[in-house]
Amino acid sequence: MLPTIVGLGEVLWDLFPDGPRFGGAPANFACHAAMLDAEAAVVSRVGEDDLGERAVAALRQHGVETAFVGRDRDHATGAVRVQLDPEGRPQYEITEDVAWDHIAWTDDLEDLARRADAACFGTLAQRSEVSRATIRRFLREIRPGGLRILDVNLRPPFVDGRVVLDSLGLADAAKLSDEELPEVAAMCGLSGTAPDLMRGLRERYELRLVAVTRGAEGAMLLGDEGFVECPGVTAVVKDTVGAGDAFTAAMVVGWLRGADLESIGCHACRVAAFVCTQPGATPELSGELKF
């Protein structure tokens, strides 16, 4: 039986200089989970506009369940203006008060939560009270044993330390970038080397898994098996948008399938590296990249 994996939060369009591309961390995560042979769904909201219709179509094209993507007649589909630096790293300008800021609780979300094997959430979609309440209720309703993954995904100016700390308390696993790790550690009053900070987060919040991505340098993972470092994968970078979301999806799929920590991390690095070689956040994954 395929695992049921849910992305909670923003669905949006990244507006690049050469045109719009579908995105949003939870949506990207769900698309990659579906491509890695999971039953994937997204809980979000889009506007009753052209970008909203195209967003739902993009999710369906990737095999993601869209029944839990609400429609909003009063707010537009989310959009983010993206500029890439010379290394292909994105800079974001995120539109405020859009449809995904108004994700409302519905009765069918309770059923989805109780059959979810894993749900991934971030901090950006919690910038509004309505969506924050829905996301947290969903996390509370997940079936016993289900994995709740916090993909920290700090996006200034929408960084709220209280939201970050509360989210860590709701999570079973956390994924951060090497740039986010010291920021989050400082919020927690932790210091030391990167492995020290990971251990501190794991112990304080009783996390089953902590993962830190390091771009071309690979990743570090900490779990019951101990600490592992996975080397980076050489890639000709087109852009890095969505690579972290692909890493998280591959990590979660591997975890749910019972793989060992080193195998999980190395496979997730391969998937993320491939995404970096392609334009956009959710390129079609080749069969050899499936776990």
C-alpha atoms as a PDB file:
ATOM      1  CA  MET A   1       0.000   0.000   0.000  1.00  0.00           C
ATOM      2  CA  LEU A   2       1.324   3.437  -0.923  1.00  0.00           C
ATOM      3  CA  PRO A   3       1.849   5.912   1.933  1.00  0.00           C
ATOM      4  CA  THR A   4      -0.486   8.908   2.209  1.00  0.00           C
ATOM      5  CA  ILE A   5       1.536  12.122   2.377  1.00  0.00           C
ATOM      6  CA  VAL A   6       0.082  15.633   2.762  1.00  0.00           C
ATOM      7  CA  GLY A   7       1.492  19.100   2.116  1.00  0.00           C
ATOM      8  CA  LEU A   8      -0.057  21.840   4.282  1.00  0.00           C
ATOM      9  CA  GLY A   9       0.133  25.494   3.281  1.00  0.00           C
ATOM     10  CA  GLU A  10       0.878  27.742   0.362  1.00  0.00           C
ATOM     11  CA  VAL A  11       0.077  27.065  -3.280  1.00  0.00           C
ATOM     12  CA  LEU A  12       1.347  29.860  -5.489  1.00  0.00           C
ATOM     13  CA  TRP A  13       3.108  30.928  -8.658  1.00  0.00           C
ATOM     14  CA  ASP A  14       6.747  31.955  -8.729  1.00  0.00           C
ATOM     15  CA  LEU A  15       6.980  34.913 -11.115  1.00  0.00           C
ATOM     16  CA  PHE A  16      10.400  34.632 -12.768  1.00  0.00           C
ATOM     17  CA  PRO A  17      11.719  37.180 -15.267  1.00  0.00           C
ATOM     18  CA  ASP A  18      10.971  34.652 -18.038  1.00  0.00           C
ATOM     19  CA  GLY A  19       7.422  33.894 -16.876  1.00  0.00           C
ATOM     20  CA  PRO A  20       5.396  32.217 -14.094  1.00  0.00           C
ATOM     21  CA  ARG A  21       6.215  28.781 -12.703  1.00  0.00           C
ATOM     22  CA  PHE A  22       4.061  26.759 -10.352  1.00  0.00           C
ATOM     23  CA  GLY A  23       5.335  26.557  -6.774  1.00  0.00           C
ATOM     24  CA  GLY A  24       4.879  26.879  -3.034  1.00  0.00           C
ATOM     25  CA  ALA A  25       6.894  24.646  -0.695  1.00  0.00           C
ATOM     26  CA  PRO A  26       4.012  22.355   0.423  1.00  0.00           C
ATOM     27  CA  ALA A  27       2.792  22.036  -3.163  1.00  0.00           C
ATOM     28  CA  ASN A  28       6.289  21.260  -4.441  1.00  0.00           C
ATOM     29  CA  PHE A  29       6.713  18.730  -1.643  1.00  0.00           C
ATOM     30  CA  ALA A  30       3.458  16.977  -2.539  1.00  0.00           C
ATOM     31  CA  CYS A  31       4.295  16.904  -6.251  1.00  0.00           C
ATOM     32  CA  HIS A  32       7.635  15.249  -5.564  1.00  0.00           C
ATOM     33  CA  ALA A  33       6.062  12.812  -3.108  1.00  0.00           C
ATOM     34  CA  ALA A  34       3.577  11.798  -5.810  1.00  0.00           C
ATOM     35  CA  MET A  35       6.369  11.372  -8.349  1.00  0.00           C
ATOM     36  CA  LEU A  36       8.161   9.164  -5.799  1.00  0.00           C
ATOM     37  CA  ASP A  37       5.118   6.863  -5.680  1.00  0.00           C
ATOM     38  CA  ALA A  38       3.168   8.161  -2.698  1.00  0.00           C
ATOM     39  CA  GLU A  39      -0.510   9.037  -2.477  1.00  0.00           C
ATOM     40  CA  ALA A  40      -0.090  12.797  -2.141  1.00  0.00           C
ATOM     41  CA  ALA A  41      -2.558  15.571  -1.313  1.00  0.00           C
ATOM     42  CA  VAL A  42      -2.354  19.312  -0.669  1.00  0.00           C
ATOM     43  CA  VAL A  43      -4.372  21.311   1.846  1.00  0.00           C
ATOM     44  CA  SER A  44      -4.410  24.912   0.625  1.00  0.00           C
ATOM     45  CA  ARG A  45      -6.516  27.598  -1.046  1.00  0.00           C
ATOM     46  CA  VAL A  46      -6.406  29.372  -4.416  1.00  0.00           C
ATOM     47  CA  GLY A  47      -8.356  32.217  -5.924  1.00  0.00           C
ATOM     48  CA  GLU A  48     -11.189  31.917  -8.416  1.00  0.00           C
ATOM     49  CA  ASP A  49      -8.872  33.190 -11.133  1.00  0.00           C
ATOM     50  CA  ASP A  50      -6.765  31.918 -14.002  1.00  0.00           C
ATOM     51  CA  LEU A  51      -3.700  31.265 -11.849  1.00  0.00           C
ATOM     52  CA  GLY A  52      -5.868  29.296  -9.434  1.00  0.00           C
ATOM     53  CA  GLU A  53      -7.216  27.088 -12.201  1.00  0.00           C
ATOM     54  CA  ARG A  54      -3.711  26.575 -13.536  1.00  0.00           C
ATOM     55  CA  ALA A  55      -2.404  25.724 -10.064  1.00  0.00           C
ATOM     56  CA  VAL A  56      -5.026  23.014  -9.558  1.00  0.00           C
ATOM     57  CA  ALA A  57      -4.306  21.668 -13.042  1.00  0.00           C
ATOM     58  CA  ALA A  58      -0.569  21.567 -12.276  1.00  0.00           C
ATOM     59  CA  LEU A  59      -1.160  19.612  -9.081  1.00  0.00           C
ATOM     60  CA  ARG A  60      -3.370  17.127 -10.901  1.00  0.00           C
ATOM     61  CA  GLN A  61      -0.818  16.767 -13.679  1.00  0.00           C
ATOM     62  CA  HIS A  62       1.703  15.643 -11.062  1.00  0.00           C
ATOM     63  CA  GLY A  63      -0.750  13.156  -9.578  1.00  0.00           C
ATOM     64  CA  VAL A  64      -1.622  15.162  -6.444  1.00  0.00           C
ATOM     65  CA  GLU A  65      -5.112  15.030  -4.923  1.00  0.00           C
ATOM     66  CA  THR A  66      -6.722  18.490  -5.148  1.00  0.00           C
ATOM     67  CA  ALA A  67     -10.029  17.915  -3.321  1.00  0.00           C
ATOM     68  CA  PHE A  68      -8.631  19.769  -0.314  1.00  0.00           C
ATOM     69  CA  VAL A  69      -7.569  22.887  -2.235  1.00  0.00           C
ATOM     70  CA  GLY A  70     -10.310  25.429  -1.505  1.00  0.00           C
ATOM     71  CA  ARG A  71     -11.458  28.201  -3.840  1.00  0.00           C
ATOM     72  CA  ASP A  72     -11.621  31.813  -2.685  1.00  0.00           C
ATOM     73  CA  ARG A  73     -13.657  34.424  -4.512  1.00  0.00           C
ATOM     74  CA  ASP A  74     -12.357  37.292  -2.373  1.00  0.00           C
ATOM     75  CA  HIS A  75      -8.600  36.729  -2.538  1.00  0.00           C
ATOM     76  CA  ALA A  76      -6.247  36.113  -5.440  1.00  0.00           C
ATOM     77  CA  THR A  77      -4.050  33.072  -5.924  1.00  0.00           C
ATOM     78  CA  GLY A  78      -0.685  33.569  -4.248  1.00  0.00           C
ATOM     79  CA  ALA A  79       2.271  34.880  -6.238  1.00  0.00           C
ATOM     80  CA  VAL A  80       5.958  35.472  -5.521  1.00  0.00           C
ATOM     81  CA  ARG A  81       8.325  37.602  -7.565  1.00  0.00           C
ATOM     82  CA  VAL A  82      11.621  35.711  -7.902  1.00  0.00           C
ATOM     83  CA  GLN A  83      15.044  37.011  -8.865  1.00  0.00           C
ATOM     84  CA  LEU A  84      18.021  34.658  -9.205  1.00  0.00           C
ATOM     85  CA  ASP A  85      21.547  35.577  -8.171  1.00  0.00           C
ATOM     86  CA  PRO A  86      24.537  34.510 -10.330  1.00  0.00           C
ATOM     87  CA  GLU A  87      24.660  31.112  -8.549  1.00  0.00           C
ATOM     88  CA  GLY A  88      20.977  30.458  -9.287  1.00  0.00           C
ATOM     89  CA  ARG A  89      19.852  31.095  -5.707  1.00  0.00           C
ATOM     90  CA  PRO A  90      16.429  32.764  -5.475  1.00  0.00           C
ATOM     91  CA  GLN A  91      15.408  35.995  -3.787  1.00  0.00           C
ATOM     92  CA  TYR A  92      11.683  36.323  -3.051  1.00  0.00           C
ATOM     93  CA  GLU A  93       9.078  39.094  -2.859  1.00  0.00           C
ATOM     94  CA  ILE A  94       5.950  37.429  -1.476  1.00  0.00           C
ATOM     95  CA  THR A  95       2.481  38.903  -2.064  1.00  0.00           C
ATOM     96  CA  GLU A  96       0.404  39.384   1.101  1.00  0.00           C
ATOM     97  CA  ASP A  97      -3.271  38.632   1.923  1.00  0.00           C
ATOM     98  CA  VAL A  98      -3.791  36.024  -0.785  1.00  0.00           C
ATOM     99  CA  ALA A  99      -5.944  32.905  -0.929  1.00  0.00           C
ATOM    100  CA  TRP A 100      -3.565  30.636   1.007  1.00  0.00           C
ATOM    101  CA  ASP A 101      -3.711  33.065   3.934  1.00  0.00           C
ATOM    102  CA  HIS A 102      -7.339  31.961   4.342  1.00  0.00           C
ATOM    103  CA  ILE A 103      -7.181  28.155   4.514  1.00  0.00           C
ATOM    104  CA  ALA A 104     -10.332  27.247   6.433  1.00  0.00           C
ATOM    105  CA  TRP A 105     -11.004  24.052   8.372  1.00  0.00           C
ATOM    106  CA  THR A 106     -13.535  21.700   6.774  1.00  0.00           C
ATOM    107  CA  ASP A 107     -14.912  18.410   8.052  1.00  0.00           C
ATOM    108  CA  ASP A 108     -13.230  16.377   5.315  1.00  0.00           C
ATOM    109  CA  LEU A 109      -9.815  17.499   6.585  1.00  0.00           C
ATOM    110  CA  GLU A 110     -10.325  15.448   9.725  1.00  0.00           C
ATOM    111  CA  ASP A 111     -10.678  12.263   7.673  1.00  0.00           C
ATOM    112  CA  LEU A 112      -7.588  13.121   5.624  1.00  0.00           C
ATOM    113  CA  ALA A 113      -5.557  13.785   8.765  1.00  0.00           C
ATOM    114  CA  ARG A 114      -6.559  10.497  10.349  1.00  0.00           C
ATOM    115  CA  ARG A 115      -5.367   8.492   7.366  1.00  0.00           C
ATOM    116  CA  ALA A 116      -2.192  10.501   6.724  1.00  0.00           C
ATOM    117  CA  ASP A 117       1.113   8.706   7.190  1.00  0.00           C
ATOM    118  CA  ALA A 118       2.971  12.021   7.053  1.00  0.00           C
ATOM    119  CA  ALA A 119       2.238  15.727   6.743  1.00  0.00           C
ATOM    120  CA  CYS A 120       4.717  18.479   5.939  1.00  0.00           C
ATOM    121  CA  PHE A 121       4.185  22.070   7.072  1.00  0.00           C
ATOM    122  CA  GLY A 122       6.220  25.247   7.236  1.00  0.00           C
ATOM    123  CA  THR A 123       6.206  28.629   8.915  1.00  0.00           C
ATOM    124  CA  LEU A 124       5.295  30.876   5.974  1.00  0.00           C
ATOM    125  CA  ALA A 125       1.692  29.665   5.675  1.00  0.00           C
ATOM    126  CA  GLN A 126       1.268  30.356   9.394  1.00  0.00           C
ATOM    127  CA  ARG A 127       1.696  34.105   8.909  1.00  0.00           C
ATOM    128  CA  SER A 128      -2.128  34.442   9.046  1.00  0.00           C
ATOM    129  CA  GLU A 129      -4.274  33.413  12.013  1.00  0.00           C
ATOM    130  CA  VAL A 130      -6.805  31.509   9.881  1.00  0.00           C
ATOM    131  CA  SER A 131      -4.323  29.283   8.064  1.00  0.00           C
ATOM    132  CA  ARG A 132      -2.215  28.833  11.194  1.00  0.00           C
ATOM    133  CA  ALA A 133      -5.228  27.517  13.124  1.00  0.00           C
ATOM    134  CA  THR A 134      -6.157  25.089  10.325  1.00  0.00           C
ATOM    135  CA  ILE A 135      -2.626  23.752   9.942  1.00  0.00           C
ATOM    136  CA  ARG A 136      -2.226  23.190  13.668  1.00  0.00           C
ATOM    137  CA  ARG A 137      -5.601  21.502  13.980  1.00  0.00           C
ATOM    138  CA  PHE A 138      -4.673  19.168  11.132  1.00  0.00           C
ATOM    139  CA  LEU A 139      -1.426  18.276  12.872  1.00  0.00           C
ATOM    140  CA  ARG A 140      -3.278  17.492  16.093  1.00  0.00           C
ATOM    141  CA  GLU A 141      -5.684  15.198  14.217  1.00  0.00           C
ATOM    142  CA  ILE A 142      -3.023  13.080  12.464  1.00  0.00           C
ATOM    143  CA  ARG A 143      -3.317   9.410  13.281  1.00  0.00           C
ATOM    144  CA  PRO A 144      -1.040   7.954  15.987  1.00  0.00           C
ATOM    145  CA  GLY A 145       2.345   7.179  14.485  1.00  0.00           C
ATOM    146  CA  GLY A 146       1.930   9.647  11.631  1.00  0.00           C
ATOM    147  CA  LEU A 147       5.008  11.782  10.913  1.00  0.00           C
ATOM    148  CA  ARG A 148       4.699  15.566  11.220  1.00  0.00           C
ATOM    149  CA  ILE A 149       7.560  17.253   9.354  1.00  0.00           C
ATOM    150  CA  LEU A 150       8.455  20.903   9.861  1.00  0.00           C
ATOM    151  CA  ASP A 151      10.179  22.357   6.808  1.00  0.00           C
ATOM    152  CA  VAL A 152      11.208  25.610   8.456  1.00  0.00           C
ATOM    153  CA  ASN A 153      11.493  27.556   5.179  1.00  0.00           C
ATOM    154  CA  LEU A 154      12.210  31.006   6.644  1.00  0.00           C
ATOM    155  CA  ARG A 155      11.045  33.751   4.280  1.00  0.00           C
ATOM    156  CA  PRO A 156      11.756  37.316   5.491  1.00  0.00           C
ATOM    157  CA  PRO A 157       9.945  39.491   6.372  1.00  0.00           C
ATOM    158  CA  PHE A 158       7.537  36.731   7.454  1.00  0.00           C
ATOM    159  CA  VAL A 159       9.730  35.250  10.177  1.00  0.00           C
ATOM    160  CA  ASP A 160       8.135  34.978  13.613  1.00  0.00           C
ATOM    161  CA  GLY A 161      10.256  33.342  16.289  1.00  0.00           C
ATOM    162  CA  ARG A 162       7.224  32.324  18.321  1.00  0.00           C
ATOM    163  CA  VAL A 163       5.739  30.540  15.292  1.00  0.00           C
ATOM    164  CA  VAL A 164       9.030  28.740  14.668  1.00  0.00           C
ATOM    165  CA  LEU A 165       9.314  27.526  18.264  1.00  0.00           C
ATOM    166  CA  ASP A 166       5.664  26.513  18.476  1.00  0.00           C
ATOM    167  CA  SER A 167       6.035  24.621  15.200  1.00  0.00           C
ATOM    168  CA  LEU A 168       9.051  22.712  16.483  1.00  0.00           C
ATOM    169  CA  GLY A 169       6.901  21.656  19.404  1.00  0.00           C
ATOM    170  CA  LEU A 170       4.287  20.274  17.016  1.00  0.00           C
ATOM    171  CA  ALA A 171       6.770  18.380  14.849  1.00  0.00           C
ATOM    172  CA  ASP A 172       8.223  14.873  14.869  1.00  0.00           C
ATOM    173  CA  ALA A 173      10.920  15.795  12.350  1.00  0.00           C
ATOM    174  CA  ALA A 174      12.547  19.012  11.170  1.00  0.00           C
ATOM    175  CA  LYS A 175      14.324  19.942   7.969  1.00  0.00           C
ATOM    176  CA  LEU A 176      16.381  23.131   7.733  1.00  0.00           C
ATOM    177  CA  SER A 177      18.964  24.605   5.408  1.00  0.00           C
ATOM    178  CA  ASP A 178      22.469  25.300   6.678  1.00  0.00           C
ATOM    179  CA  GLU A 179      21.560  29.009   6.630  1.00  0.00           C
ATOM    180  CA  GLU A 180      18.402  28.454   8.679  1.00  0.00           C
ATOM    181  CA  LEU A 181      19.998  26.193  11.296  1.00  0.00           C
ATOM    182  CA  PRO A 182      21.935  28.929  13.190  1.00  0.00           C
ATOM    183  CA  GLU A 183      18.931  31.280  13.006  1.00  0.00           C
ATOM    184  CA  VAL A 184      16.595  28.700  14.519  1.00  0.00           C
ATOM    185  CA  ALA A 185      19.233  27.636  17.062  1.00  0.00           C
ATOM    186  CA  ALA A 186      19.604  31.241  18.202  1.00  0.00           C
ATOM    187  CA  MET A 187      15.831  31.418  18.731  1.00  0.00           C
ATOM    188  CA  CYS A 188      16.202  28.370  20.989  1.00  0.00           C
ATOM    189  CA  GLY A 189      19.245  29.695  22.824  1.00  0.00           C
ATOM    190  CA  LEU A 190      21.486  26.933  21.443  1.00  0.00           C
ATOM    191  CA  SER A 191      25.126  27.257  20.416  1.00  0.00           C
ATOM    192  CA  GLY A 192      27.929  25.078  19.091  1.00  0.00           C
ATOM    193  CA  THR A 193      28.792  23.289  15.873  1.00  0.00           C
ATOM    194  CA  ALA A 194      26.138  22.306  13.350  1.00  0.00           C
ATOM    195  CA  PRO A 195      25.925  18.732  14.730  1.00  0.00           C
ATOM    196  CA  ASP A 196      25.682  20.193  18.251  1.00  0.00           C
ATOM    197  CA  LEU A 197      22.787  22.409  17.177  1.00  0.00           C
ATOM    198  CA  MET A 198      21.028  19.483  15.532  1.00  0.00           C
ATOM    199  CA  ARG A 199      21.393  17.398  18.696  1.00  0.00           C
ATOM    200  CA  GLY A 200      20.136  20.280  20.785  1.00  0.00           C
ATOM    201  CA  LEU A 201      17.011  20.671  18.646  1.00  0.00           C
ATOM    202  CA  ARG A 202      16.370  16.944  18.614  1.00  0.00           C
ATOM    203  CA  GLU A 203      16.674  16.616  22.371  1.00  0.00           C
ATOM    204  CA  ARG A 204      14.714  19.729  23.281  1.00  0.00           C
ATOM    205  CA  TYR A 205      11.764  18.964  20.988  1.00  0.00           C
ATOM    206  CA  GLU A 206      11.982  15.163  21.085  1.00  0.00           C
ATOM    207  CA  LEU A 207      12.330  14.992  17.314  1.00  0.00           C
ATOM    208  CA  ARG A 208      12.646  11.629  15.609  1.00  0.00           C
ATOM    209  CA  LEU A 209      14.678  13.143  12.769  1.00  0.00           C
ATOM    210  CA  VAL A 210      16.590  16.359  12.070  1.00  0.00           C
ATOM    211  CA  ALA A 211      17.945  17.057   8.588  1.00  0.00           C
ATOM    212  CA  VAL A 212      20.083  19.959   7.413  1.00  0.00           C
ATOM    213  CA  THR A 213      20.668  20.574   3.712  1.00  0.00           C
ATOM    214  CA  ARG A 214      23.938  22.163   2.619  1.00  0.00           C
ATOM    215  CA  GLY A 215      23.477  22.772  -1.102  1.00  0.00           C
ATOM    216  CA  ALA A 216      26.373  21.419  -3.139  1.00  0.00           C
ATOM    217  CA  GLU A 217      27.947  20.095   0.088  1.00  0.00           C
ATOM    218  CA  GLY A 218      25.170  17.542   0.620  1.00  0.00           C
ATOM    219  CA  ALA A 219      23.240  17.050   3.849  1.00  0.00           C
ATOM    220  CA  MET A 220      23.443  16.006   7.494  1.00  0.00           C
ATOM    221  CA  LEU A 221      20.845  13.807   9.197  1.00  0.00           C
ATOM    222  CA  LEU A 222      20.376  12.919  12.848  1.00  0.00           C
ATOM    223  CA  GLY A 223      18.059  10.178  14.073  1.00  0.00           C
ATOM    224  CA  ASP A 224      17.904   7.096  16.248  1.00  0.00           C
ATOM    225  CA  GLU A 225      20.720   5.555  14.182  1.00  0.00           C
ATOM    226  CA  GLY A 226      22.982   8.466  15.014  1.00  0.00           C
ATOM    227  CA  PHE A 227      24.502  11.214  12.881  1.00  0.00           C
ATOM    228  CA  VAL A 228      25.271  10.790   9.180  1.00  0.00           C
ATOM    229  CA  GLU A 229      26.765  13.094   6.553  1.00  0.00           C
ATOM    230  CA  CYS A 230      25.796  12.612   2.916  1.00  0.00           C
ATOM    231  CA  PRO A 231      28.053  14.083   0.218  1.00  0.00           C
ATOM    232  CA  GLY A 232      26.770  16.484  -2.377  1.00  0.00           C
ATOM    233  CA  VAL A 233      26.049  15.420  -5.936  1.00  0.00           C
ATOM    234  CA  THR A 234      27.778  17.261  -8.773  1.00  0.00           C
ATOM    235  CA  ALA A 235      25.241  19.150 -10.877  1.00  0.00           C
ATOM    236  CA  VAL A 236      25.145  21.916 -13.466  1.00  0.00           C
ATOM    237  CA  VAL A 237      22.721  24.264 -11.711  1.00  0.00           C
ATOM    238  CA  LYS A 238      19.894  25.850 -13.667  1.00  0.00           C
ATOM    239  CA  ASP A 239      18.208  27.124 -10.514  1.00  0.00           C
ATOM    240  CA  THR A 240      17.790  25.820  -6.969  1.00  0.00           C
ATOM    241  CA  VAL A 241      14.064  26.543  -6.594  1.00  0.00           C
ATOM    242  CA  GLY A 242      12.269  23.485  -5.244  1.00  0.00           C
ATOM    243  CA  ALA A 243      15.418  21.479  -4.511  1.00  0.00           C
ATOM    244  CA  GLY A 244      14.853  21.626  -0.763  1.00  0.00           C
ATOM    245  CA  ASP A 245      11.230  20.540  -1.192  1.00  0.00           C
ATOM    246  CA  ALA A 246      12.343  17.614  -3.350  1.00  0.00           C
ATOM    247  CA  PHE A 247      14.880  16.652  -0.669  1.00  0.00           C
ATOM    248  CA  THR A 248      12.169  16.683   1.991  1.00  0.00           C
ATOM    249  CA  ALA A 249       9.796  14.578  -0.093  1.00  0.00           C
ATOM    250  CA  ALA A 250      12.463  11.972  -0.843  1.00  0.00           C
ATOM    251  CA  MET A 251      13.510  11.937   2.804  1.00  0.00           C
ATOM    252  CA  VAL A 252       9.948  11.346   4.005  1.00  0.00           C
ATOM    253  CA  VAL A 253       9.236   8.627   1.428  1.00  0.00           C
ATOM    254  CA  GLY A 254      12.455   6.849   2.391  1.00  0.00           C
ATOM    255  CA  TRP A 255      11.660   7.150   6.091  1.00  0.00           C
ATOM    256  CA  LEU A 256       8.174   5.719   5.655  1.00  0.00           C
ATOM    257  CA  ARG A 257       9.633   2.805   3.704  1.00  0.00           C
ATOM    258  CA  GLY A 258      11.993   1.961   6.537  1.00  0.00           C
ATOM    259  CA  ALA A 259      15.284   2.756   4.800  1.00  0.00           C
ATOM    260  CA  ASP A 260      18.405   3.395   6.851  1.00  0.00           C
ATOM    261  CA  LEU A 261      19.407   6.981   7.536  1.00  0.00           C
ATOM    262  CA  GLU A 262      22.394   7.085   5.191  1.00  0.00           C
ATOM    263  CA  SER A 263      20.385   5.657   2.296  1.00  0.00           C
ATOM    264  CA  ILE A 264      17.607   8.173   2.959  1.00  0.00           C
ATOM    265  CA  GLY A 265      19.988  11.127   2.962  1.00  0.00           C
ATOM    266  CA  CYS A 266      22.007  10.114  -0.084  1.00  0.00           C
ATOM    267  CA  HIS A 267      18.903   9.407  -2.133  1.00  0.00           C
ATOM    268  CA  ALA A 268      17.356  12.744  -1.127  1.00  0.00           C
ATOM    269  CA  CYS A 269      20.560  14.525  -2.183  1.00  0.00           C
ATOM    270  CA  ARG A 270      20.406  12.863  -5.604  1.00  0.00           C
ATOM    271  CA  VAL A 271      16.812  13.933  -6.121  1.00  0.00           C
ATOM    272  CA  ALA A 272      17.542  17.506  -5.020  1.00  0.00           C
ATOM    273  CA  ALA A 273      20.597  17.724  -7.282  1.00  0.00           C
ATOM    274  CA  PHE A 274      18.537  16.647 -10.272  1.00  0.00           C
ATOM    275  CA  VAL A 275      15.935  19.331  -9.564  1.00  0.00           C
ATOM    276  CA  CYS A 276      18.729  21.935  -9.555  1.00  0.00           C
ATOM    277  CA  THR A 277      19.616  20.968 -13.132  1.00  0.00           C
ATOM    278  CA  GLN A 278      16.097  21.751 -14.374  1.00  0.00           C
ATOM    279  CA  PRO A 279      14.092  24.991 -14.586  1.00  0.00           C
ATOM    280  CA  GLY A 280      11.258  25.263 -12.090  1.00  0.00           C
ATOM    281  CA  ALA A 281      10.498  23.492  -8.841  1.00  0.00           C
ATOM    282  CA  THR A 282       8.794  20.281  -9.973  1.00  0.00           C
ATOM    283  CA  PRO A 283      10.456  18.775 -13.057  1.00  0.00           C
ATOM    284  CA  GLU A 284       9.447  15.213 -13.909  1.00  0.00           C
ATOM    285  CA  LEU A 285      11.634  12.765 -12.013  1.00  0.00           C
ATOM    286  CA  SER A 286      13.184   9.895 -13.913  1.00  0.00           C
ATOM    287  CA  GLY A 287      12.510   6.332 -12.817  1.00  0.00           C
ATOM    288  CA  GLU A 288      16.084   5.871 -11.559  1.00  0.00           C
ATOM    289  CA  LEU A 289      15.452   8.572  -8.933  1.00  0.00           C
ATOM    290  CA  LYS A 290      12.616   6.668  -7.294  1.00  0.00           C
ATOM    291  CA  PHE A 291      13.450   4.975  -4.006  1.00  0.00           C
END
